[in-house]
Amino acid sequence: MRKLENRELSRLDISSFKTHPKNPLVLVLDNVRSLNNVGSVFRTADAFLVQKLFLCGITGKPPHREINKTALGATESVDWEYRENVTETISQLSREGYKIILVEQTDSSAMLMDFSPGPEDNYALVFGNEVFGVDEDLLPLADYCLEIPQYGTKHSLNISVSVGIVVWSLLEKMGRF
C-alpha cells in the first residue's frame, strides 16, 4: 500500500470544473462570522461539485486572506454570490424550484439519517451563525429542517463540519457517488 500523489488523483482543473455537471445542491451561509469556516465551506463545495454558494448577511466574502487560507483555491472554482438579504435569497431559490432545507435543531426537525431526498430534486441547504444558528424568521420558508444527531455533551458541530456531513449524506442517498 502507498499514498497516491496529487498527479494520480485525476482532479479537474478549474476550467473543466466550471463546465462539469454539478450536483443539485446550493449552499446558503447566513451570518457566518468565521472566515476560516467560510473558506472550509468553499473547499467542501468544490469537493462535492456544489452548484453555487450564497454568502449572506455578515458572512465574509472573497478575496480575503483568512478565507483563502482554508479554501485553498476553491474560491476560484466554486460559483458564489454575495447577497445581503437571506430571506430574499431563500425566497428566490424556492421560486426557482429548490427545496429549502434549514440545518437546524427545531421541534420538528428530521434526523439526517431519516431524511430521504428525491433523486431528481434540487436543494438549497441553509446554514446559520456559529452561535445563534439559523435565524428563526427563516423557519416558515423551509420545506424541511434537518438535524445531525449528536450524543455527547455539546449541542452543535462546527458549521464547516456540518456542511460536509449534510452534503455527503444527501449526495450518497441521491446515488451521486
N, C-alpha and C. Protein backbone atom coordinates (compact mmCIF):
# COMPACT_ATOMS: atom_id res chain seq x y z
N MET A 1 0.85 -1.17 0.00
CA MET A 1 0.00 0.00 0.00
C MET A 1 0.89 1.23 0.00
N ARG A 2 0.44 2.28 -0.73
CA ARG A 2 1.15 3.55 -0.73
C ARG A 2 0.16 4.69 -0.92
N LYS A 3 0.53 5.84 -0.45
CA LYS A 3 -0.30 7.02 -0.66
C LYS A 3 -0.18 7.44 -2.12
N LEU A 4 -1.30 7.92 -2.67
CA LEU A 4 -1.29 8.45 -4.02
C LEU A 4 -0.69 9.85 -4.04
N GLU A 5 -0.01 10.16 -5.10
CA GLU A 5 0.50 11.51 -5.30
C GLU A 5 -0.60 12.34 -5.95
N ASN A 6 -0.52 13.65 -5.79
CA ASN A 6 -1.56 14.54 -6.33
C ASN A 6 -1.81 14.31 -7.82
N ARG A 7 -0.76 14.08 -8.59
CA ARG A 7 -0.93 13.88 -10.04
C ARG A 7 -1.69 12.61 -10.37
N GLU A 8 -1.80 11.68 -9.43
CA GLU A 8 -2.51 10.42 -9.64
C GLU A 8 -4.00 10.51 -9.28
N LEU A 9 -4.44 11.63 -8.75
CA LEU A 9 -5.81 11.75 -8.27
C LEU A 9 -6.82 12.11 -9.35
N SER A 10 -6.37 12.50 -10.52
CA SER A 10 -7.25 12.82 -11.65
C SER A 10 -8.29 13.87 -11.30
N ARG A 11 -7.86 14.93 -10.68
CA ARG A 11 -8.78 16.02 -10.34
C ARG A 11 -8.99 16.94 -11.53
N LEU A 12 -10.15 17.60 -11.54
CA LEU A 12 -10.46 18.57 -12.59
C LEU A 12 -9.60 19.82 -12.42
N ASP A 13 -9.24 20.45 -13.54
CA ASP A 13 -8.65 21.77 -13.43
C ASP A 13 -9.81 22.77 -13.33
N ILE A 14 -9.51 24.03 -13.04
CA ILE A 14 -10.57 25.00 -12.79
C ILE A 14 -11.48 25.18 -13.99
N SER A 15 -10.94 25.27 -15.18
CA SER A 15 -11.80 25.47 -16.35
C SER A 15 -12.70 24.25 -16.59
N SER A 16 -12.18 23.06 -16.37
CA SER A 16 -13.02 21.85 -16.50
C SER A 16 -14.08 21.80 -15.40
N PHE A 17 -13.71 22.22 -14.20
CA PHE A 17 -14.67 22.26 -13.09
C PHE A 17 -15.84 23.18 -13.43
N LYS A 18 -15.54 24.33 -14.01
CA LYS A 18 -16.59 25.31 -14.32
C LYS A 18 -17.65 24.74 -15.27
N THR A 19 -17.24 23.87 -16.19
CA THR A 19 -18.19 23.35 -17.17
C THR A 19 -18.71 21.95 -16.83
N HIS A 20 -18.15 21.33 -15.82
CA HIS A 20 -18.55 19.98 -15.42
C HIS A 20 -19.94 20.01 -14.81
N PRO A 21 -20.79 19.00 -15.07
CA PRO A 21 -22.12 18.97 -14.45
C PRO A 21 -22.00 18.98 -12.93
N LYS A 22 -22.86 19.75 -12.31
CA LYS A 22 -22.83 19.90 -10.85
C LYS A 22 -23.93 19.06 -10.20
N ASN A 23 -23.76 18.84 -8.91
CA ASN A 23 -24.79 18.16 -8.12
C ASN A 23 -25.91 19.15 -7.81
N PRO A 24 -27.12 18.65 -7.56
CA PRO A 24 -28.30 19.53 -7.43
C PRO A 24 -28.41 20.19 -6.06
N LEU A 25 -27.34 20.83 -5.63
CA LEU A 25 -27.30 21.49 -4.32
C LEU A 25 -26.72 22.88 -4.45
N VAL A 26 -27.32 23.82 -3.73
CA VAL A 26 -26.69 25.11 -3.48
C VAL A 26 -26.59 25.25 -1.96
N LEU A 27 -25.60 25.99 -1.52
CA LEU A 27 -25.40 26.22 -0.10
C LEU A 27 -25.62 27.69 0.20
N VAL A 28 -26.32 27.96 1.29
CA VAL A 28 -26.59 29.33 1.72
C VAL A 28 -26.00 29.48 3.12
N LEU A 29 -25.04 30.39 3.25
CA LEU A 29 -24.45 30.69 4.56
C LEU A 29 -25.01 32.01 5.03
N ASP A 30 -25.66 32.00 6.19
CA ASP A 30 -26.28 33.20 6.73
C ASP A 30 -25.56 33.65 7.99
N ASN A 31 -24.95 34.81 7.91
CA ASN A 31 -24.28 35.43 9.06
C ASN A 31 -23.22 34.54 9.70
N VAL A 32 -22.44 33.87 8.86
CA VAL A 32 -21.32 33.06 9.35
C VAL A 32 -20.16 34.01 9.60
N ARG A 33 -19.72 34.07 10.84
CA ARG A 33 -18.73 35.08 11.22
C ARG A 33 -17.29 34.65 10.99
N SER A 34 -17.00 33.34 11.04
CA SER A 34 -15.62 32.88 10.91
C SER A 34 -15.22 32.77 9.45
N LEU A 35 -14.19 33.52 9.08
CA LEU A 35 -13.70 33.46 7.71
C LEU A 35 -13.06 32.11 7.41
N ASN A 36 -12.51 31.46 8.43
CA ASN A 36 -11.97 30.11 8.24
C ASN A 36 -13.09 29.12 7.91
N ASN A 37 -14.24 29.27 8.56
CA ASN A 37 -15.38 28.43 8.23
C ASN A 37 -15.85 28.67 6.79
N VAL A 38 -15.90 29.91 6.39
CA VAL A 38 -16.31 30.23 5.02
C VAL A 38 -15.36 29.57 4.02
N GLY A 39 -14.07 29.67 4.26
CA GLY A 39 -13.10 29.03 3.38
C GLY A 39 -13.26 27.53 3.34
N SER A 40 -13.52 26.93 4.48
CA SER A 40 -13.72 25.47 4.54
C SER A 40 -14.97 25.06 3.76
N VAL A 41 -16.01 25.87 3.82
CA VAL A 41 -17.23 25.55 3.07
C VAL A 41 -16.96 25.66 1.57
N PHE A 42 -16.17 26.64 1.15
CA PHE A 42 -15.78 26.71 -0.27
C PHE A 42 -15.11 25.41 -0.69
N ARG A 43 -14.21 24.95 0.13
CA ARG A 43 -13.46 23.73 -0.20
C ARG A 43 -14.38 22.51 -0.29
N THR A 44 -15.34 22.41 0.63
CA THR A 44 -16.31 21.32 0.59
C THR A 44 -17.20 21.44 -0.65
N ALA A 45 -17.62 22.66 -0.97
CA ALA A 45 -18.44 22.87 -2.17
C ALA A 45 -17.70 22.43 -3.43
N ASP A 46 -16.41 22.69 -3.48
CA ASP A 46 -15.59 22.24 -4.60
C ASP A 46 -15.52 20.71 -4.63
N ALA A 47 -15.24 20.11 -3.49
CA ALA A 47 -15.06 18.66 -3.41
C ALA A 47 -16.29 17.90 -3.88
N PHE A 48 -17.48 18.45 -3.61
CA PHE A 48 -18.72 17.75 -3.93
C PHE A 48 -19.48 18.35 -5.11
N LEU A 49 -18.81 19.17 -5.92
CA LEU A 49 -19.41 19.75 -7.13
C LEU A 49 -20.77 20.41 -6.84
N VAL A 50 -20.80 21.26 -5.83
CA VAL A 50 -22.00 22.01 -5.49
C VAL A 50 -22.22 23.08 -6.56
N GLN A 51 -23.49 23.33 -6.90
CA GLN A 51 -23.82 24.30 -7.95
C GLN A 51 -23.36 25.71 -7.64
N LYS A 52 -23.65 26.15 -6.41
CA LYS A 52 -23.35 27.55 -6.09
C LYS A 52 -23.37 27.73 -4.58
N LEU A 53 -22.65 28.75 -4.14
CA LEU A 53 -22.58 29.12 -2.74
C LEU A 53 -23.07 30.56 -2.61
N PHE A 54 -24.08 30.77 -1.75
CA PHE A 54 -24.58 32.11 -1.47
C PHE A 54 -24.08 32.53 -0.10
N LEU A 55 -23.45 33.69 -0.05
CA LEU A 55 -22.92 34.25 1.18
C LEU A 55 -23.82 35.42 1.57
N CYS A 56 -24.47 35.32 2.73
CA CYS A 56 -25.48 36.31 3.09
C CYS A 56 -25.16 36.99 4.42
N GLY A 57 -25.71 38.21 4.57
CA GLY A 57 -25.57 38.94 5.83
C GLY A 57 -24.13 39.32 6.09
N ILE A 58 -23.65 39.02 7.31
CA ILE A 58 -22.28 39.39 7.69
C ILE A 58 -21.24 38.38 7.22
N THR A 59 -21.68 37.34 6.53
CA THR A 59 -20.74 36.31 6.06
C THR A 59 -19.66 36.97 5.20
N GLY A 60 -18.42 36.66 5.51
CA GLY A 60 -17.30 37.22 4.75
C GLY A 60 -17.27 36.68 3.33
N LYS A 61 -16.64 37.45 2.47
CA LYS A 61 -16.57 37.05 1.07
C LYS A 61 -15.15 37.25 0.52
N PRO A 62 -14.81 36.46 -0.48
CA PRO A 62 -13.50 36.63 -1.12
C PRO A 62 -13.43 37.98 -1.84
N PRO A 63 -12.25 38.47 -2.08
CA PRO A 63 -10.97 37.91 -1.65
C PRO A 63 -10.67 38.31 -0.21
N HIS A 64 -10.20 37.37 0.54
CA HIS A 64 -9.77 37.63 1.91
C HIS A 64 -8.75 36.58 2.32
N ARG A 65 -7.67 37.02 2.95
CA ARG A 65 -6.58 36.13 3.32
C ARG A 65 -7.05 34.95 4.18
N GLU A 66 -7.92 35.20 5.15
CA GLU A 66 -8.38 34.14 6.04
C GLU A 66 -9.26 33.13 5.32
N ILE A 67 -10.06 33.56 4.37
CA ILE A 67 -10.87 32.63 3.57
C ILE A 67 -9.95 31.80 2.69
N ASN A 68 -9.02 32.47 2.04
CA ASN A 68 -8.10 31.77 1.13
C ASN A 68 -7.27 30.72 1.84
N LYS A 69 -6.94 30.96 3.12
CA LYS A 69 -6.10 30.04 3.88
C LYS A 69 -6.75 28.64 3.95
N THR A 70 -8.05 28.58 4.13
CA THR A 70 -8.72 27.28 4.23
C THR A 70 -9.37 26.84 2.93
N ALA A 71 -9.68 27.78 2.05
CA ALA A 71 -10.32 27.42 0.77
C ALA A 71 -9.33 26.76 -0.19
N LEU A 72 -8.06 27.07 -0.06
CA LEU A 72 -7.01 26.51 -0.92
C LEU A 72 -7.35 26.59 -2.41
N GLY A 73 -7.83 27.74 -2.85
CA GLY A 73 -8.12 27.95 -4.26
C GLY A 73 -9.55 27.69 -4.68
N ALA A 74 -10.38 27.15 -3.79
CA ALA A 74 -11.76 26.83 -4.16
C ALA A 74 -12.60 28.07 -4.43
N THR A 75 -12.15 29.24 -3.99
CA THR A 75 -12.88 30.47 -4.31
C THR A 75 -12.81 30.77 -5.81
N GLU A 76 -11.85 30.16 -6.49
CA GLU A 76 -11.71 30.34 -7.94
C GLU A 76 -12.55 29.34 -8.72
N SER A 77 -12.83 28.20 -8.14
CA SER A 77 -13.59 27.16 -8.86
C SER A 77 -15.08 27.22 -8.58
N VAL A 78 -15.47 27.45 -7.35
CA VAL A 78 -16.88 27.40 -6.95
C VAL A 78 -17.57 28.70 -7.34
N ASP A 79 -18.74 28.56 -7.96
CA ASP A 79 -19.58 29.71 -8.29
C ASP A 79 -20.17 30.24 -6.99
N TRP A 80 -20.02 31.54 -6.73
CA TRP A 80 -20.54 32.11 -5.49
C TRP A 80 -21.08 33.50 -5.75
N GLU A 81 -21.92 33.92 -4.80
CA GLU A 81 -22.52 35.25 -4.90
C GLU A 81 -22.80 35.77 -3.49
N TYR A 82 -22.55 37.05 -3.29
CA TYR A 82 -22.92 37.67 -2.02
C TYR A 82 -24.31 38.27 -2.15
N ARG A 83 -25.14 38.02 -1.16
CA ARG A 83 -26.47 38.61 -1.08
C ARG A 83 -26.66 39.12 0.35
N GLU A 84 -27.04 40.34 0.49
CA GLU A 84 -27.22 40.90 1.83
C GLU A 84 -28.39 40.24 2.55
N ASN A 85 -29.50 40.02 1.85
CA ASN A 85 -30.72 39.56 2.50
C ASN A 85 -30.96 38.08 2.27
N VAL A 86 -30.84 37.30 3.32
CA VAL A 86 -31.01 35.85 3.21
C VAL A 86 -32.45 35.47 2.91
N THR A 87 -33.42 36.21 3.46
CA THR A 87 -34.84 35.89 3.22
C THR A 87 -35.17 36.01 1.74
N GLU A 88 -34.73 37.08 1.12
CA GLU A 88 -34.96 37.26 -0.32
C GLU A 88 -34.25 36.17 -1.12
N THR A 89 -33.06 35.80 -0.71
CA THR A 89 -32.30 34.76 -1.41
C THR A 89 -33.03 33.43 -1.35
N ILE A 90 -33.47 33.05 -0.16
CA ILE A 90 -34.17 31.78 0.00
C ILE A 90 -35.50 31.79 -0.75
N SER A 91 -36.22 32.90 -0.69
CA SER A 91 -37.49 33.01 -1.41
C SER A 91 -37.28 32.85 -2.91
N GLN A 92 -36.23 33.47 -3.43
CA GLN A 92 -35.94 33.34 -4.87
C GLN A 92 -35.59 31.90 -5.22
N LEU A 93 -34.77 31.26 -4.41
CA LEU A 93 -34.40 29.87 -4.67
C LEU A 93 -35.64 28.97 -4.64
N SER A 94 -36.54 29.24 -3.74
CA SER A 94 -37.78 28.47 -3.67
C SER A 94 -38.60 28.65 -4.95
N ARG A 95 -38.72 29.89 -5.41
CA ARG A 95 -39.45 30.16 -6.67
C ARG A 95 -38.78 29.47 -7.86
N GLU A 96 -37.46 29.29 -7.80
CA GLU A 96 -36.73 28.62 -8.87
C GLU A 96 -36.84 27.10 -8.78
N GLY A 97 -37.55 26.59 -7.78
CA GLY A 97 -37.79 25.16 -7.68
C GLY A 97 -36.92 24.41 -6.69
N TYR A 98 -36.08 25.12 -5.96
CA TYR A 98 -35.25 24.45 -4.95
C TYR A 98 -36.10 24.13 -3.73
N LYS A 99 -35.91 22.96 -3.17
CA LYS A 99 -36.47 22.61 -1.87
C LYS A 99 -35.53 23.23 -0.83
N ILE A 100 -36.10 23.95 0.10
CA ILE A 100 -35.31 24.66 1.10
C ILE A 100 -35.15 23.78 2.34
N ILE A 101 -33.89 23.50 2.68
CA ILE A 101 -33.57 22.71 3.87
C ILE A 101 -32.77 23.59 4.83
N LEU A 102 -33.34 23.83 6.00
CA LEU A 102 -32.60 24.51 7.06
C LEU A 102 -31.92 23.44 7.90
N VAL A 103 -30.65 23.60 8.13
CA VAL A 103 -29.93 22.67 9.00
C VAL A 103 -29.94 23.30 10.38
N GLU A 104 -30.88 22.81 11.20
CA GLU A 104 -31.14 23.44 12.50
C GLU A 104 -31.91 22.48 13.40
N GLN A 105 -31.72 22.65 14.68
CA GLN A 105 -32.45 21.86 15.66
C GLN A 105 -33.77 22.58 15.97
N THR A 106 -34.88 21.97 15.57
CA THR A 106 -36.20 22.54 15.84
C THR A 106 -37.09 21.46 16.44
N ASP A 107 -38.29 21.87 16.83
CA ASP A 107 -39.20 20.89 17.40
C ASP A 107 -39.77 19.92 16.36
N SER A 108 -39.49 20.18 15.08
CA SER A 108 -39.97 19.27 14.04
C SER A 108 -38.87 18.86 13.05
N SER A 109 -37.62 18.99 13.47
CA SER A 109 -36.51 18.57 12.60
C SER A 109 -36.56 17.07 12.36
N ALA A 110 -36.18 16.68 11.15
CA ALA A 110 -35.95 15.27 10.85
C ALA A 110 -34.48 14.99 11.09
N MET A 111 -34.19 13.84 11.64
CA MET A 111 -32.79 13.45 11.78
C MET A 111 -32.23 13.17 10.39
N LEU A 112 -31.01 13.57 10.17
CA LEU A 112 -30.39 13.46 8.86
C LEU A 112 -30.47 12.05 8.31
N MET A 113 -30.24 11.05 9.14
CA MET A 113 -30.25 9.67 8.65
C MET A 113 -31.64 9.20 8.24
N ASP A 114 -32.69 9.91 8.69
CA ASP A 114 -34.07 9.52 8.36
C ASP A 114 -34.61 10.25 7.14
N PHE A 115 -33.89 11.23 6.65
CA PHE A 115 -34.36 12.04 5.52
C PHE A 115 -34.01 11.35 4.21
N SER A 116 -35.00 11.27 3.33
CA SER A 116 -34.81 10.67 2.00
C SER A 116 -35.01 11.73 0.93
N PRO A 117 -33.94 12.24 0.37
CA PRO A 117 -34.09 13.26 -0.68
C PRO A 117 -34.60 12.63 -1.97
N GLY A 118 -35.35 13.42 -2.72
CA GLY A 118 -35.77 12.98 -4.04
C GLY A 118 -34.59 13.00 -4.98
N PRO A 119 -34.37 11.93 -5.72
CA PRO A 119 -33.18 11.87 -6.58
C PRO A 119 -33.16 12.91 -7.70
N GLU A 120 -34.32 13.47 -8.03
CA GLU A 120 -34.39 14.47 -9.10
C GLU A 120 -34.60 15.88 -8.58
N ASP A 121 -34.70 16.05 -7.25
CA ASP A 121 -34.95 17.37 -6.68
C ASP A 121 -33.67 18.17 -6.54
N ASN A 122 -33.83 19.48 -6.53
CA ASN A 122 -32.74 20.42 -6.25
C ASN A 122 -32.94 20.96 -4.84
N TYR A 123 -31.86 21.10 -4.10
CA TYR A 123 -31.95 21.52 -2.72
C TYR A 123 -31.07 22.73 -2.45
N ALA A 124 -31.60 23.64 -1.62
CA ALA A 124 -30.83 24.75 -1.07
C ALA A 124 -30.66 24.45 0.41
N LEU A 125 -29.42 24.26 0.84
CA LEU A 125 -29.11 23.95 2.23
C LEU A 125 -28.68 25.22 2.93
N VAL A 126 -29.38 25.57 4.00
CA VAL A 126 -29.14 26.82 4.70
C VAL A 126 -28.47 26.53 6.04
N PHE A 127 -27.34 27.18 6.25
CA PHE A 127 -26.57 27.04 7.49
C PHE A 127 -26.43 28.41 8.12
N GLY A 128 -26.63 28.49 9.43
CA GLY A 128 -26.65 29.77 10.11
C GLY A 128 -25.39 30.08 10.90
N ASN A 129 -25.50 31.12 11.67
CA ASN A 129 -24.43 31.65 12.51
C ASN A 129 -23.92 30.60 13.48
N GLU A 130 -22.62 30.66 13.76
CA GLU A 130 -21.97 29.68 14.63
C GLU A 130 -22.54 29.66 16.05
N VAL A 131 -23.03 30.77 16.55
CA VAL A 131 -23.57 30.83 17.91
C VAL A 131 -25.10 30.71 17.92
N PHE A 132 -25.76 31.44 17.03
CA PHE A 132 -27.22 31.54 17.07
C PHE A 132 -27.94 30.61 16.09
N GLY A 133 -27.20 29.98 15.18
CA GLY A 133 -27.82 29.07 14.22
C GLY A 133 -28.59 29.82 13.15
N VAL A 134 -29.54 29.11 12.55
CA VAL A 134 -30.38 29.68 11.50
C VAL A 134 -31.37 30.66 12.16
N ASP A 135 -31.55 31.80 11.55
CA ASP A 135 -32.48 32.81 12.07
C ASP A 135 -33.89 32.23 12.12
N GLU A 136 -34.56 32.42 13.25
CA GLU A 136 -35.91 31.86 13.44
C GLU A 136 -36.90 32.38 12.40
N ASP A 137 -36.67 33.57 11.86
CA ASP A 137 -37.56 34.13 10.84
C ASP A 137 -37.55 33.30 9.55
N LEU A 138 -36.55 32.45 9.38
CA LEU A 138 -36.46 31.64 8.17
C LEU A 138 -37.28 30.34 8.27
N LEU A 139 -37.68 29.97 9.47
CA LEU A 139 -38.39 28.69 9.64
C LEU A 139 -39.63 28.56 8.74
N PRO A 140 -40.46 29.60 8.59
CA PRO A 140 -41.63 29.44 7.72
C PRO A 140 -41.29 29.22 6.23
N LEU A 141 -40.07 29.53 5.84
CA LEU A 141 -39.67 29.38 4.44
C LEU A 141 -39.15 27.98 4.12
N ALA A 142 -38.98 27.16 5.16
CA ALA A 142 -38.36 25.85 4.97
C ALA A 142 -39.33 24.80 4.49
N ASP A 143 -38.85 23.97 3.57
CA ASP A 143 -39.57 22.75 3.22
C ASP A 143 -39.25 21.66 4.23
N TYR A 144 -38.00 21.69 4.73
CA TYR A 144 -37.54 20.70 5.70
C TYR A 144 -36.55 21.36 6.65
N CYS A 145 -36.50 20.83 7.86
CA CYS A 145 -35.42 21.14 8.79
C CYS A 145 -34.74 19.82 9.11
N LEU A 146 -33.43 19.81 8.96
CA LEU A 146 -32.66 18.60 9.24
C LEU A 146 -31.73 18.85 10.41
N GLU A 147 -31.54 17.79 11.18
CA GLU A 147 -30.68 17.85 12.35
C GLU A 147 -29.68 16.69 12.27
N ILE A 148 -28.45 16.99 12.58
CA ILE A 148 -27.42 15.95 12.66
C ILE A 148 -27.47 15.37 14.08
N PRO A 149 -27.68 14.06 14.21
CA PRO A 149 -27.75 13.50 15.55
C PRO A 149 -26.41 13.63 16.27
N GLN A 150 -26.49 13.95 17.55
CA GLN A 150 -25.30 14.10 18.38
C GLN A 150 -25.57 13.47 19.74
N TYR A 151 -24.55 12.89 20.31
CA TYR A 151 -24.76 12.11 21.53
C TYR A 151 -23.88 12.53 22.70
N GLY A 152 -23.04 13.52 22.51
CA GLY A 152 -22.15 13.95 23.58
C GLY A 152 -22.75 15.08 24.39
N THR A 153 -21.89 15.87 25.00
CA THR A 153 -22.34 16.96 25.87
C THR A 153 -22.57 18.27 25.13
N LYS A 154 -22.03 18.41 23.95
CA LYS A 154 -22.18 19.66 23.19
C LYS A 154 -23.46 19.60 22.35
N HIS A 155 -24.01 20.76 22.07
CA HIS A 155 -25.28 20.81 21.36
C HIS A 155 -25.15 21.14 19.87
N SER A 156 -23.91 21.31 19.39
CA SER A 156 -23.75 21.63 17.98
C SER A 156 -22.38 21.22 17.49
N LEU A 157 -22.25 21.21 16.16
CA LEU A 157 -20.98 20.95 15.49
C LEU A 157 -20.53 22.24 14.82
N ASN A 158 -19.25 22.34 14.53
CA ASN A 158 -18.75 23.46 13.75
C ASN A 158 -19.46 23.47 12.40
N ILE A 159 -19.76 24.66 11.89
CA ILE A 159 -20.52 24.77 10.64
C ILE A 159 -19.82 24.07 9.48
N SER A 160 -18.50 24.17 9.40
CA SER A 160 -17.81 23.54 8.27
C SER A 160 -17.92 22.01 8.36
N VAL A 161 -17.93 21.48 9.56
CA VAL A 161 -18.13 20.04 9.74
C VAL A 161 -19.56 19.67 9.35
N SER A 162 -20.51 20.47 9.81
CA SER A 162 -21.92 20.21 9.49
C SER A 162 -22.17 20.21 7.98
N VAL A 163 -21.59 21.17 7.28
CA VAL A 163 -21.77 21.24 5.82
C VAL A 163 -21.26 19.95 5.17
N GLY A 164 -20.08 19.50 5.56
CA GLY A 164 -19.52 18.28 4.99
C GLY A 164 -20.40 17.07 5.24
N ILE A 165 -20.88 16.93 6.47
CA ILE A 165 -21.72 15.78 6.83
C ILE A 165 -23.02 15.79 6.03
N VAL A 166 -23.70 16.93 6.00
CA VAL A 166 -25.01 17.01 5.34
C VAL A 166 -24.88 16.83 3.83
N VAL A 167 -23.92 17.51 3.22
CA VAL A 167 -23.76 17.40 1.76
C VAL A 167 -23.42 15.96 1.38
N TRP A 168 -22.48 15.36 2.08
CA TRP A 168 -22.10 13.97 1.76
C TRP A 168 -23.31 13.04 1.93
N SER A 169 -24.03 13.19 3.01
CA SER A 169 -25.17 12.32 3.27
C SER A 169 -26.22 12.43 2.18
N LEU A 170 -26.58 13.65 1.81
CA LEU A 170 -27.61 13.83 0.77
C LEU A 170 -27.15 13.27 -0.58
N LEU A 171 -25.92 13.55 -0.96
CA LEU A 171 -25.43 13.06 -2.25
C LEU A 171 -25.34 11.54 -2.27
N GLU A 172 -24.94 10.96 -1.16
CA GLU A 172 -24.87 9.49 -1.08
C GLU A 172 -26.26 8.91 -1.21
N LYS A 173 -27.25 9.48 -0.53
CA LYS A 173 -28.63 8.98 -0.63
C LYS A 173 -29.23 9.20 -2.02
N MET A 174 -28.76 10.22 -2.71
CA MET A 174 -29.25 10.50 -4.06
C MET A 174 -28.53 9.66 -5.12
N GLY A 175 -27.60 8.83 -4.69
CA GLY A 175 -26.87 7.98 -5.62
C GLY A 175 -25.89 8.73 -6.49
N ARG A 176 -25.33 9.81 -5.97
CA ARG A 176 -24.42 10.64 -6.75
C ARG A 176 -22.97 10.19 -6.68
N PHE A 177 -22.69 9.12 -5.93
CA PHE A 177 -21.30 8.62 -5.84
C PHE A 177 -21.20 7.32 -6.60
